[in-house]
Protein backbone atom coordinates (compact mmCIF):
# COMPACT_ATOMS: atom_id res chain seq x y z
CA MET A 1 -0.02 -0.03 0.04
CA SER A 2 1.39 3.18 -1.08
CA HIS A 3 1.61 6.29 1.20
CA MET A 4 -0.80 8.38 -0.86
CA ASN A 5 -3.44 5.55 -0.89
CA GLU A 6 -3.69 5.59 2.95
CA PRO A 7 -6.47 7.31 4.53
CA ARG A 8 -5.43 10.03 6.71
CA ARG A 9 -6.09 8.76 10.07
CA VAL A 10 -3.85 5.60 9.35
CA ARG A 11 -0.88 7.90 8.47
CA ARG A 12 -1.49 10.01 11.72
CA LEU A 13 -1.83 6.85 13.97
CA ARG A 14 1.59 5.39 12.29
CA SER A 15 3.38 8.68 13.11
CA LEU A 16 2.15 8.54 16.66
CA HIS A 17 3.79 5.22 17.13
CA ALA A 18 7.05 6.08 15.68
CA PRO A 19 8.26 7.92 18.53
CA GLN A 20 7.32 5.15 20.74
CA ALA A 21 9.43 2.34 18.76
CA ARG A 22 12.47 4.71 19.18
CA GLN A 23 12.16 5.09 22.87
CA THR A 24 11.82 1.34 23.12
CA GLY A 25 14.87 0.85 21.16
CA GLN A 26 16.80 3.45 23.28
CA ALA A 27 15.62 1.77 26.70
CA TYR A 28 17.16 -1.51 25.37
CA ALA A 29 20.47 -0.05 24.50
CA GLU A 30 20.42 1.55 28.18
CA TYR A 31 19.39 -1.88 29.66
CA ILE A 32 22.09 -3.53 27.82
CA VAL A 33 24.75 -1.02 28.92
CA ILE A 34 23.84 -1.26 32.50
CA VAL A 35 23.85 -5.22 32.62
CA LEU A 36 27.38 -5.19 31.07
CA LEU A 37 28.51 -2.71 33.75
CA VAL A 38 27.11 -5.00 36.39
CA VAL A 39 28.82 -8.11 35.02
CA VAL A 40 32.08 -6.30 34.69
CA VAL A 41 31.83 -5.13 38.24
CA LEU A 42 30.97 -8.77 39.50
CA ILE A 43 34.02 -10.44 37.68
CA ALA A 44 36.43 -7.89 38.01
CA GLY A 45 39.27 -8.10 40.63
CA ASP A 46 40.91 -10.95 42.49
CA ASN A 47 38.48 -10.58 45.28
CA SER A 48 35.40 -10.20 43.22
CA VAL A 49 31.89 -11.55 44.24
CA ILE A 50 31.85 -14.46 41.62
CA SER A 51 35.28 -15.73 43.40
CA GLN A 52 33.92 -15.37 46.65
CA LEU A 53 30.80 -17.32 45.55
CA LEU A 54 32.77 -20.02 43.98
CA ALA A 55 35.01 -20.27 47.34
CA ALA A 56 31.83 -20.63 49.29
CA PHE A 57 30.58 -23.27 46.95
CA LYS A 58 33.89 -25.17 47.44
CA SER A 59 33.94 -24.89 51.17
CA PHE A 60 30.13 -26.11 51.31
CA TYR A 61 30.92 -29.05 49.14
CA GLN A 62 34.19 -29.86 51.05
CA ALA A 63 32.09 -29.90 54.30
CA TYR A 64 29.25 -31.83 52.59
CA SER A 65 31.48 -34.64 51.46
CA TYR A 66 33.25 -34.81 54.86
CA THR A 67 29.68 -35.41 56.61
CA LEU A 68 28.84 -38.08 53.92
CA SER A 69 32.18 -39.82 54.56
CA MET A 70 31.43 -40.25 58.31
CA PRO A 71 30.27 -43.83 59.36
């Protein structure tokens, strides 16, 4: 359907929805940037949250396996 054959109301509705699509795209880009920053903060450094979590799991598993080995 060409632009000239569209009723005026349809053209107006299309133009009203265009800014919303751009806002959604911008929000998505901002969300991706924030998520990437959070991931970098969690992973960065020797004493990062991820390394602490892995150490806690290792300690828990050692205690769990020790308890299972008891008669």
